[in-house]
Protein backbone atom coordinates (compact mmCIF):
# COMPACT_ATOMS: atom_id res chain seq x y z
CA MET A 1 23.38 103.61 -15.69
CA LYS A 2 27.13 104.14 -15.98
CA ALA A 3 26.92 107.36 -13.96
CA TRP A 4 24.87 105.60 -11.27
CA LEU A 5 27.38 102.74 -11.06
CA SER A 6 30.23 105.22 -10.81
CA ARG A 7 28.59 107.21 -8.00
CA HIS A 8 27.76 104.12 -5.95
CA HIS A 9 30.79 101.97 -6.74
CA THR A 10 31.85 101.67 -3.09
CA LEU A 11 28.41 100.53 -1.96
CA ILE A 12 28.29 98.08 -4.84
CA LEU A 13 31.65 96.65 -3.79
CA ILE A 14 30.40 96.19 -0.24
CA ALA A 15 27.24 94.53 -1.58
CA ALA A 16 29.35 92.27 -3.80
CA LEU A 17 31.45 91.19 -0.83
CA ILE A 18 28.37 90.49 1.32
CA ILE A 19 26.57 88.61 -1.46
CA GLY A 20 29.76 86.79 -2.41
CA ALA A 21 30.37 85.67 1.16
CA GLY A 22 26.78 84.48 1.50
CA LEU A 23 26.93 82.49 -1.72
CA ARG A 24 30.31 80.98 -0.94
CA TRP A 25 29.55 79.77 2.58
CA ALA A 26 25.90 78.83 2.05
CA ARG A 27 25.64 75.01 2.38
CA ILE A 28 29.42 74.76 1.94
CA GLY A 29 29.62 71.68 4.15
CA THR A 30 26.49 69.89 2.92
CA ALA A 31 27.94 67.70 0.18
CA SER A 32 30.56 65.04 0.81
CA LEU A 33 34.07 65.54 -0.45
CA TRP A 34 34.33 63.80 -3.81
CA TYR A 35 37.29 62.12 -5.52
CA ASP A 36 39.20 65.25 -6.63
CA GLU A 37 38.67 66.98 -3.29
CA THR A 38 39.86 64.03 -1.26
CA PHE A 39 42.88 63.69 -3.53
CA SER A 40 43.66 67.26 -2.43
CA THR A 41 43.10 66.63 1.27
CA LEU A 42 44.90 63.29 1.33
CA THR A 43 47.85 64.83 -0.51
CA ALA A 44 47.91 67.83 1.83
CA ARG A 45 47.93 65.46 4.82
CA LEU A 46 51.32 64.08 3.72
CA SER A 47 54.63 65.58 4.80
CA LEU A 48 55.92 68.66 3.00
CA ALA A 49 58.75 66.59 1.52
CA GLN A 50 56.26 64.12 0.04
CA ILE A 51 54.07 66.93 -1.33
CA LEU A 52 56.98 68.72 -2.98
CA ALA A 53 58.23 65.45 -4.47
CA ASN A 54 54.72 64.72 -5.83
CA ALA A 55 54.66 61.37 -4.07
CA PRO A 56 50.99 60.73 -5.05
CA HIS A 57 51.88 61.25 -8.74
CA GLY A 58 49.23 63.91 -9.28
CA VAL A 59 48.97 65.93 -12.47
CA HIS A 60 49.10 69.31 -10.73
CA PRO A 61 52.08 71.12 -9.16
CA PRO A 62 52.41 71.22 -5.36
CA GLY A 63 51.68 74.90 -4.59
CA TYR A 64 48.05 74.56 -3.55
CA TYR A 65 48.66 71.35 -1.61
CA VAL A 66 51.38 73.07 0.43
CA LEU A 67 48.98 75.85 1.43
CA LEU A 68 46.25 73.31 2.20
CA HIS A 69 48.74 71.33 4.30
CA PHE A 70 49.00 74.21 6.76
CA TRP A 71 45.28 75.04 6.51
CA LEU A 72 44.37 71.52 7.68
CA GLN A 73 45.74 72.44 11.10
CA LEU A 74 42.43 74.30 11.60
CA GLY A 75 40.30 71.20 11.17
CA HIS A 76 39.13 68.47 8.82
CA SER A 77 35.42 69.08 8.36
CA GLU A 78 33.99 69.93 4.95
CA VAL A 79 33.30 73.48 6.08
CA VAL A 80 36.87 74.05 7.24
CA VAL A 81 38.73 72.48 4.32
CA ARG A 82 36.52 74.19 1.72
CA SER A 83 36.74 77.59 3.42
CA LEU A 84 40.28 78.07 2.14
CA SER A 85 38.94 78.15 -1.43
CA ALA A 86 36.12 80.46 -0.35
CA LEU A 87 38.62 82.90 1.12
CA PHE A 88 40.67 82.90 -2.08
CA SER A 89 37.49 83.60 -4.02
CA MET A 90 36.58 86.50 -1.75
CA GLY A 91 40.02 87.93 -2.39
CA ALA A 92 39.34 87.66 -6.13
CA ILE A 93 36.25 89.90 -5.74
CA LEU A 94 38.35 92.62 -4.13
CA LEU A 95 41.24 92.27 -6.53
CA ILE A 96 39.17 92.31 -9.71
CA TYR A 97 37.42 95.44 -8.46
CA GLY A 98 40.77 97.18 -8.02
CA PHE A 99 42.10 95.90 -11.34
CA ALA A 100 39.01 96.95 -13.29
CA ARG A 101 39.05 100.39 -11.67
CA TRP A 102 42.71 100.88 -12.66
CA LEU A 103 42.13 99.30 -16.06
CA PHE A 104 38.92 101.14 -17.00
CA ASP A 105 36.81 103.11 -14.51
CA LYS A 106 34.68 102.90 -11.37
CA SER A 107 31.56 101.68 -13.17
CA ALA A 108 33.41 98.78 -14.79
CA ALA A 109 34.94 97.96 -11.40
CA ALA A 110 31.49 97.79 -9.81
CA VAL A 111 30.15 95.44 -12.48
CA ALA A 112 33.27 93.25 -12.36
CA ALA A 113 32.98 92.87 -8.57
CA ILE A 114 29.30 91.87 -8.78
CA ALA A 115 29.99 89.48 -11.66
CA MET A 116 32.83 87.81 -9.78
CA ALA A 117 30.61 87.53 -6.68
CA ILE A 118 27.66 85.82 -8.39
CA ALA A 119 29.16 83.93 -11.35
CA PRO A 120 28.14 80.28 -10.79
CA PHE A 121 31.55 79.04 -11.94
CA GLN A 122 33.29 81.15 -9.29
CA VAL A 123 30.79 80.17 -6.58
CA TYR A 124 31.05 76.46 -7.35
CA PHE A 125 34.83 76.29 -7.18
CA ALA A 126 34.89 78.55 -4.13
CA GLN A 127 33.19 75.60 -2.41
CA GLU A 128 35.59 72.94 -3.62
CA VAL A 129 38.88 71.76 -2.17
CA ARG A 130 40.84 72.37 -5.34
CA MET A 131 43.23 75.02 -6.64
CA TYR A 132 40.85 76.78 -9.03
CA SER A 133 39.74 79.70 -6.86
CA LEU A 134 43.38 80.34 -5.94
CA ILE A 135 44.46 80.41 -9.59
CA VAL A 136 41.65 82.88 -10.35
CA LEU A 137 43.02 85.19 -7.66
CA LEU A 138 46.57 84.80 -8.93
CA ALA A 139 45.52 85.36 -12.55
CA ILE A 140 44.07 88.77 -11.67
CA GLY A 141 47.26 89.72 -9.87
CA ILE A 142 49.43 88.49 -12.74
CA MET A 143 47.54 90.50 -15.37
CA TRP A 144 47.47 93.64 -13.24
CA LEU A 145 51.15 93.57 -12.30
CA PHE A 146 52.23 92.70 -15.83
CA LEU A 147 50.36 95.64 -17.36
CA TYR A 148 51.37 98.04 -14.60
CA SER A 149 55.02 97.07 -15.04
CA ILE A 150 54.89 97.55 -18.80
CA ILE A 151 52.94 100.79 -18.88
CA THR A 152 54.29 102.78 -15.95
CA ASP A 153 57.77 104.08 -15.18
CA LYS A 154 59.71 103.35 -12.01
CA SER A 155 57.82 100.09 -11.60
CA TRP A 156 60.49 97.84 -10.08
CA LEU A 157 58.20 96.91 -7.18
CA ALA A 158 55.53 95.86 -9.68
CA TRP A 159 58.09 93.72 -11.51
CA ILE A 160 58.96 91.98 -8.23
CA GLY A 161 55.27 91.41 -7.55
CA TYR A 162 54.79 90.05 -11.05
CA ILE A 163 57.70 87.63 -10.61
CA PHE A 164 56.20 86.39 -7.34
CA MET A 165 52.66 86.04 -8.69
CA ALA A 166 53.68 84.38 -11.96
CA THR A 167 55.98 81.92 -10.21
CA LEU A 168 53.37 81.05 -7.60
CA GLY A 169 50.80 80.66 -10.38
CA LEU A 170 53.03 78.14 -12.16
CA TYR A 171 53.47 76.24 -8.88
CA VAL A 172 49.69 76.13 -8.45
CA HIS A 173 48.54 75.25 -11.99
CA TYR A 174 50.55 74.66 -15.15
CA PHE A 175 47.92 76.44 -17.30
CA THR A 176 49.29 79.68 -15.86
CA ALA A 177 51.94 79.36 -18.59
CA PHE A 178 49.25 79.84 -21.25
CA LEU A 179 48.01 83.03 -19.57
CA LEU A 180 51.59 84.32 -19.54
CA LEU A 181 51.83 83.43 -23.22
CA GLY A 182 48.76 85.55 -23.96
CA LEU A 183 50.18 88.52 -22.06
CA HIS A 184 53.45 88.24 -23.97
CA PHE A 185 51.56 88.15 -27.28
CA TRP A 186 49.98 91.46 -26.30
CA TYR A 187 53.39 92.90 -25.54
CA LEU A 188 54.73 91.81 -28.93
CA LEU A 189 51.82 93.60 -30.60
CA ASN A 190 52.77 96.75 -28.69
CA VAL A 191 56.53 96.32 -28.55
CA ARG A 192 57.26 99.55 -30.41
CA ARG A 193 55.28 101.55 -27.88
CA TYR A 194 56.91 99.86 -24.90
CA GLN A 195 60.31 98.97 -26.34
CA SER A 196 62.03 100.45 -23.31
CA LYS A 197 60.59 97.62 -21.18
CA LEU A 198 61.92 94.79 -23.34
CA MET A 199 65.06 94.20 -21.31
CA ALA A 200 63.17 94.32 -18.01
CA LEU A 201 60.68 91.79 -19.35
CA LEU A 202 63.44 89.46 -20.54
CA VAL A 203 65.18 89.63 -17.15
CA THR A 204 61.87 89.04 -15.39
CA ASP A 205 61.07 86.02 -17.55
CA GLY A 206 64.53 84.65 -16.85
CA LEU A 207 64.03 84.98 -13.10
CA ILE A 208 60.62 83.31 -13.29
CA GLY A 209 62.20 80.47 -15.24
CA LEU A 210 64.95 80.07 -12.64
CA LEU A 211 62.47 80.05 -9.78
CA PHE A 212 60.36 77.44 -11.56
CA LEU A 213 63.38 75.30 -12.44
CA PRO A 214 63.04 73.01 -9.37
CA GLN A 215 59.56 72.08 -10.61
CA ALA A 216 60.38 71.97 -14.33
CA ARG A 217 61.60 68.37 -14.43
CA GLN A 218 58.57 67.12 -12.54
CA ALA A 219 56.29 69.18 -14.80
CA LEU A 220 57.89 67.70 -17.92
CA THR A 221 57.71 64.16 -16.56
CA ARG A 222 54.07 64.40 -15.50
CA THR A 223 53.04 66.12 -18.72
CA THR A 224 54.80 63.52 -20.87
CA THR A 225 53.27 60.68 -18.85
CA TYR A 226 49.83 62.23 -19.03
CA LEU A 227 49.91 62.92 -22.77
CA GLY A 228 51.19 59.43 -23.47
CA GLY A 229 48.57 57.69 -21.34
CA GLU A 230 45.25 56.19 -22.22
CA ALA A 231 42.65 58.78 -23.24
CA TRP A 232 39.88 59.19 -20.67
CA GLN A 233 38.06 62.07 -22.33
CA SER A 234 37.25 63.01 -25.89
CA ALA A 235 39.36 65.50 -27.81
CA PRO A 236 37.96 69.03 -28.15
CA SER A 237 36.13 70.15 -31.29
CA ILE A 238 36.49 73.39 -33.17
CA LEU A 239 33.51 74.72 -31.17
CA SER A 240 34.96 73.79 -27.78
CA PRO A 241 36.32 77.30 -27.03
CA LEU A 242 32.78 78.69 -27.35
CA THR A 243 31.29 76.20 -24.91
CA THR A 244 34.26 76.67 -22.58
CA ILE A 245 33.66 80.42 -22.49
CA TYR A 246 30.11 79.64 -21.39
CA TYR A 247 31.44 77.19 -18.79
CA LEU A 248 33.82 79.80 -17.35
CA LEU A 249 30.82 81.87 -16.30
CA PHE A 250 28.15 79.25 -15.57
CA GLY A 251 29.99 76.05 -14.72
CA HIS A 252 28.13 72.76 -15.14
CA ARG A 253 25.12 73.21 -12.85
CA ALA A 254 22.77 75.08 -15.18
CA PRO A 255 19.59 73.18 -16.21
CA ILE A 256 19.84 71.98 -19.79
CA GLY A 257 17.08 74.35 -20.94
CA VAL A 258 19.02 77.35 -19.67
CA VAL A 259 22.27 76.51 -21.49
CA PRO A 260 21.38 77.71 -25.03
CA ILE A 261 19.85 80.93 -23.70
CA ALA A 262 22.85 81.68 -21.50
CA LEU A 263 25.30 80.83 -24.29
CA PHE A 264 23.47 83.10 -26.76
CA LEU A 265 23.39 86.03 -24.32
CA LEU A 266 27.04 85.62 -23.38
CA LEU A 267 28.33 85.39 -26.95
CA ALA A 268 26.11 88.30 -28.02
CA ILE A 269 27.58 90.51 -25.29
CA LEU A 270 31.13 89.59 -26.21
CA ILE A 271 30.57 90.18 -29.93
CA LEU A 272 28.91 93.54 -29.28
CA THR A 273 31.69 94.50 -26.86
CA GLU A 274 34.32 93.98 -29.54
CA TRP A 275 32.27 95.63 -32.30
CA GLU A 276 31.42 98.66 -30.17
CA SER A 277 35.00 99.05 -29.00
CA ARG A 278 36.01 99.60 -32.63
CA ARG A 279 33.55 102.46 -32.86
CA ARG A 280 35.00 104.20 -29.84
CA ALA A 281 38.15 106.30 -29.97
CA PRO A 282 41.18 103.98 -29.72
CA GLN A 283 42.14 103.35 -26.14
CA PRO A 284 45.67 104.46 -25.22
CA HIS A 285 46.74 100.97 -24.13
CA ARG A 286 44.30 98.71 -26.01
CA PHE A 287 43.27 96.98 -22.81
CA GLU A 288 40.50 95.08 -24.52
CA TRP A 289 43.11 93.29 -26.60
CA VAL A 290 45.08 92.12 -23.60
CA LEU A 291 41.87 90.66 -22.15
CA TRP A 292 40.97 88.93 -25.41
CA LEU A 293 44.45 87.45 -25.69
CA SER A 294 44.38 86.36 -22.03
CA LEU A 295 41.07 84.62 -22.69
CA LEU A 296 41.66 83.05 -26.09
CA THR A 297 45.36 82.17 -26.11
CA PRO A 298 45.03 79.41 -23.46
CA LEU A 299 41.89 78.02 -25.13
CA ILE A 300 43.37 77.85 -28.62
CA THR A 301 46.80 76.63 -27.51
CA VAL A 302 45.45 73.82 -25.35
CA MET A 303 42.97 72.83 -28.04
CA ALA A 304 45.81 72.56 -30.57
CA ILE A 305 47.92 70.45 -28.18
CA SER A 306 44.96 68.19 -27.47
CA LEU A 307 44.17 67.67 -31.15
CA LEU A 308 47.79 66.82 -31.94
CA SER A 309 48.36 64.49 -28.96
CA PRO A 310 47.09 60.96 -28.26
CA ARG A 311 45.52 62.22 -25.07
CA SER A 312 43.57 65.43 -24.56
CA ILE A 313 44.52 67.94 -21.86
CA TYR A 314 41.47 70.06 -22.66
CA VAL A 315 39.74 70.07 -19.26
CA GLU A 316 37.35 72.99 -18.98
CA ARG A 317 37.82 73.73 -15.30
CA SER A 318 41.56 74.08 -15.88
CA PHE A 319 40.84 77.27 -17.81
CA ALA A 320 39.88 78.99 -14.56
CA VAL A 321 43.04 81.05 -15.08
CA THR A 322 41.29 82.80 -18.00
CA SER A 323 37.96 83.46 -16.26
CA PRO A 324 38.92 86.91 -14.85
CA ALA A 325 39.58 88.14 -18.41
CA LEU A 326 36.07 87.03 -19.39
CA ILE A 327 34.49 88.87 -16.47
CA LEU A 328 36.47 92.02 -17.23
CA LEU A 329 35.36 91.93 -20.87
CA LEU A 330 31.73 91.65 -19.78
CA ALA A 331 32.15 94.51 -17.32
CA ARG A 332 33.82 96.68 -19.96
CA GLY A 333 31.21 95.94 -22.59
CA SER A 334 28.25 96.70 -20.36
CA THR A 335 29.62 100.00 -19.03
CA ALA A 336 31.34 101.42 -22.11
CA ALA A 337 28.53 100.74 -24.56
CA PRO A 338 27.25 103.74 -26.58
CA LYS A 339 23.73 105.09 -26.17
CA LEU A 340 20.96 102.86 -27.52
CA SER A 341 23.27 99.85 -27.37
CA PRO A 342 21.57 96.58 -26.36
CA THR A 343 24.68 95.43 -24.47
CA PRO A 344 23.62 96.66 -20.98
CA TYR A 345 20.19 95.08 -21.44
CA LEU A 346 21.69 91.79 -22.54
CA MET A 347 23.93 91.92 -19.50
CA ALA A 348 20.88 92.46 -17.29
CA ALA A 349 19.13 89.55 -19.03
CA LEU A 350 22.14 87.38 -18.22
CA LEU A 351 21.19 87.66 -14.55
CA LEU A 352 18.21 85.34 -15.07
CA PRO A 353 20.18 82.22 -16.11
CA ILE A 354 22.74 83.06 -13.42
CA VAL A 355 20.03 83.08 -10.74
CA VAL A 356 18.50 79.86 -12.10
CA THR A 357 21.91 78.16 -12.11
CA LEU A 358 22.66 79.26 -8.55
CA ALA A 359 19.23 78.05 -7.41
CA THR A 360 19.92 74.67 -9.05
CA HIS A 361 23.28 74.52 -7.31
CA TYR A 362 21.83 75.10 -3.85
CA LEU A 363 18.49 73.29 -4.13
CA THR A 364 19.38 70.10 -5.99
CA PRO A 365 21.98 67.39 -5.26
CA ASP A 366 25.23 67.68 -7.14
CA PRO A 367 25.72 64.46 -9.16
CA ALA A 368 29.48 65.00 -9.04
CA LYS A 369 29.42 64.77 -5.23
CA PRO A 370 27.67 61.59 -4.10
CA PRO A 371 26.95 61.12 -0.36
CA ILE A 372 30.14 59.19 0.33
CA ARG A 373 30.21 60.43 3.92
CA MET A 374 26.84 58.75 4.59
CA ALA A 375 28.02 55.53 2.97
CA VAL A 376 31.12 55.46 5.15
CA GLN A 377 29.08 56.22 8.27
CA THR A 378 26.84 53.25 7.43
CA ILE A 379 29.89 50.99 7.18
CA GLU A 380 31.37 52.36 10.42
CA ALA A 381 28.08 51.83 12.31
CA GLY A 382 27.98 48.12 11.48
CA PHE A 383 31.63 47.24 11.04
CA ALA A 384 32.85 44.41 13.26
CA ALA A 385 35.96 42.33 13.75
CA GLY A 386 36.35 39.96 10.82
CA ASP A 387 34.74 42.38 8.34
CA VAL A 388 36.42 43.74 5.20
CA SER A 389 35.43 46.86 3.24
CA LEU A 390 35.98 46.88 -0.54
CA HIS A 391 35.08 49.33 -3.30
CA LEU A 392 34.33 48.56 -6.91
CA GLN A 393 35.96 51.83 -7.95
CA GLU A 394 38.31 54.42 -6.52
CA ALA A 395 35.68 57.12 -7.04
CA SER A 396 34.36 55.97 -3.66
CA GLY A 397 37.44 54.15 -2.37
CA LEU A 398 39.71 57.18 -2.29
CA PRO A 399 37.22 59.52 -0.54
CA ALA A 400 36.45 56.82 2.00
CA LEU A 401 40.08 56.98 3.15
CA TRP A 402 39.48 60.56 4.26
CA TYR A 403 36.34 59.77 6.24
CA THR A 404 37.35 56.68 8.20
CA SER A 405 40.29 54.85 9.70
CA ILE A 406 38.71 51.50 8.79
CA PRO A 407 40.86 49.94 6.02
CA GLN A 408 39.33 50.71 2.62
CA LYS A 409 40.52 48.86 -0.47
CA VAL A 410 39.66 49.06 -4.16
CA ILE A 411 39.10 45.87 -6.14
CA ASP A 412 41.78 45.34 -8.77
CA VAL A 413 39.73 45.18 -11.95
CA SER A 414 39.86 47.00 -15.28
CA GLY A 415 38.36 50.48 -15.13
CA ALA A 416 38.35 50.68 -11.34
CA THR A 417 41.26 53.06 -10.84
CA PHE A 418 42.86 56.13 -12.34
CA THR A 419 45.79 56.24 -9.94
CA GLY A 420 48.05 53.31 -9.17
CA PRO A 421 48.46 51.10 -6.08
CA THR A 422 51.44 53.16 -4.90
CA THR A 423 49.23 56.22 -4.47
CA HIS A 424 46.51 54.26 -2.67
CA ARG A 425 49.02 52.76 -0.24
CA LEU A 426 50.50 56.19 0.38
CA PHE A 427 47.04 57.41 1.40
CA GLY A 428 46.37 54.36 3.59
CA GLY A 429 44.43 52.18 1.16
CA ASP A 430 45.30 49.55 -1.43
CA ILE A 431 44.24 47.96 -4.71
CA VAL A 432 43.66 44.25 -4.18
CA ASP A 433 42.36 41.03 -5.69
CA TRP A 434 38.90 40.69 -4.20
CA GLN A 435 39.08 36.95 -3.63
CA GLU A 436 42.37 37.24 -1.76
CA ALA A 437 41.04 40.20 0.24
CA ILE A 438 38.02 38.31 1.57
CA ALA A 439 39.86 35.06 2.31
CA GLY A 440 39.29 34.29 5.97
CA ALA A 441 36.92 37.27 6.50
CA ASP A 442 33.45 36.92 8.03
CA ARG A 443 31.57 39.64 6.16
CA LEU A 444 32.11 41.89 3.12
CA TRP A 445 31.06 45.51 2.86
CA LEU A 446 30.95 46.37 -0.84
CA THR A 447 30.57 49.98 -1.98
CA VAL A 448 29.33 50.52 -5.53
CA MET A 449 28.84 53.66 -7.61
CA PRO A 450 26.58 52.63 -10.54
CA GLY A 451 27.65 55.54 -12.73
CA TYR A 452 31.27 54.35 -12.63
CA THR A 453 30.68 50.62 -13.15
CA GLY A 454 32.04 48.97 -16.29
CA ASP A 455 31.66 45.44 -17.63
CA ALA A 456 34.57 44.02 -15.64
CA GLN A 457 33.27 45.53 -12.41
CA THR A 458 29.76 44.26 -13.12
CA ALA A 459 31.15 40.76 -13.55
CA VAL A 460 32.88 40.93 -10.14
CA ARG A 461 29.71 42.17 -8.50
CA LYS A 462 27.66 39.34 -10.03
CA ALA A 463 30.22 36.79 -8.89
CA ILE A 464 29.94 38.08 -5.32
CA GLU A 465 26.13 38.09 -5.44
CA GLN A 466 26.00 34.54 -6.76
CA THR A 467 28.48 33.25 -4.19
CA TYR A 468 27.52 34.96 -0.92
CA PRO A 469 24.14 35.87 0.58
CA GLN A 470 23.30 39.55 0.91
CA VAL A 471 22.58 40.68 4.47
CA MET A 472 21.64 44.31 3.86
CA MET A 473 21.79 47.08 1.29
CA GLU A 474 21.65 50.88 1.49
CA ASP A 475 20.98 52.88 -1.67
CA TRP A 476 21.46 56.64 -2.10
CA GLY A 477 21.07 56.51 -5.87
CA SER A 478 24.57 57.53 -6.86
CA ILE A 479 26.21 55.23 -4.32
CA GLN A 480 25.23 51.91 -2.76
CA VAL A 481 26.56 49.86 0.15
CA TYR A 482 26.04 46.08 0.29
CA LEU A 483 26.80 43.71 3.17
CA TYR A 484 27.48 40.05 2.37
CA ASP A 485 27.85 37.12 4.78
CA LEU A 486 30.97 35.22 3.70
CA LYS A 487 30.40 32.27 6.06
CA ARG A 488 26.98 31.19 4.78
CA GLU A 489 25.97 29.49 1.57
CA PRO A 490 23.88 31.64 -0.82
């Protein structure tokens, strides 16, 4: 198998690019933009000065939003705005092929390219208006340039490239720092072998720090604010790194029955890869170790921070920066396995849950992306002078601001918002008292997302239902639109 992969590596790369493009653009514009995506687009629609100053008070640095700001000149449809992520993801297929070929051999490069092309995690975030596909691309470049700079002589161009990639990575996602930490751990383990590069590495780190300095204060402020805020997700457990490793290949769209099978296969391949690598002659640069450290250092470090802080920062999708290391380990294990090893067969078996997950992604609605566009279109079709449009939660209120120029406001009630009124006003909306908002209005359009409704929101909805007669109602399951006549008695 390894010989076959090596002989046909170029054809496999071409196939990976074709398959990857098909998967990334298939149905890319079908689902509505959801909360996180519209936070991206609404931020990118601001001026560059506002983006760089983090005017919306987002938790991520401005790098991706700046790129998206210029990309929006091409259009505002779902297909256009999501295509930027798809293009980054296509670049990751090419780059991981080149990295794996330099790192190991042609057969590993072929498997890495195919894995990057079809991994459900990569496909999903290639179709989302967020920074994750970009950080995957940058992570590959960071690892490659770091190792090339350390291992080769006369590598000043590689050092410059590493400075650029690492700095850009930090401006795109703060978790890049944990990947850099893992790479530096590997260097410390091999410092005697590469002692001549110590000064160059120190100078490089200093330059990266200087280039990131304009963002450092904002990063510290946002991180401190975030860690000190109210917890909105549970802290990780000791087993969280294992489930996150699964997530970095499969994402969250696999049917529940597939999850244990996929997790078993994935962990079995990784364990066998490490065990079998110890049986082989030691590699001259211990590349498996740099991949393991790139994968595990961010997971363990973030888990420790989350367990020690009032608020967890352990968000699985944020570990996208480590996903290339996982794919490279899988590619290495399946192509460097000794004869009679089950690793290649386990890798082949892994294709089944991957295919099932991809089929689920394309053939079933994504619960994370409710049909907000349809809800807004319903409001637009019937909206008249004297009407007011309110949302029980910003999960629908913020995306609605992207889809319509009709004023959209979120009701000021506990549990309705994650961001503050300043951010909503910046984007063209507001957070309001519902009774003041409807004073003097003729009709009320109320948008409700049942999965995001708490006790306080339920109480507001009941008060409206008991006070004003309902004229119409549209229900898409995950989102509902009600129309109430404010001038008639119930």
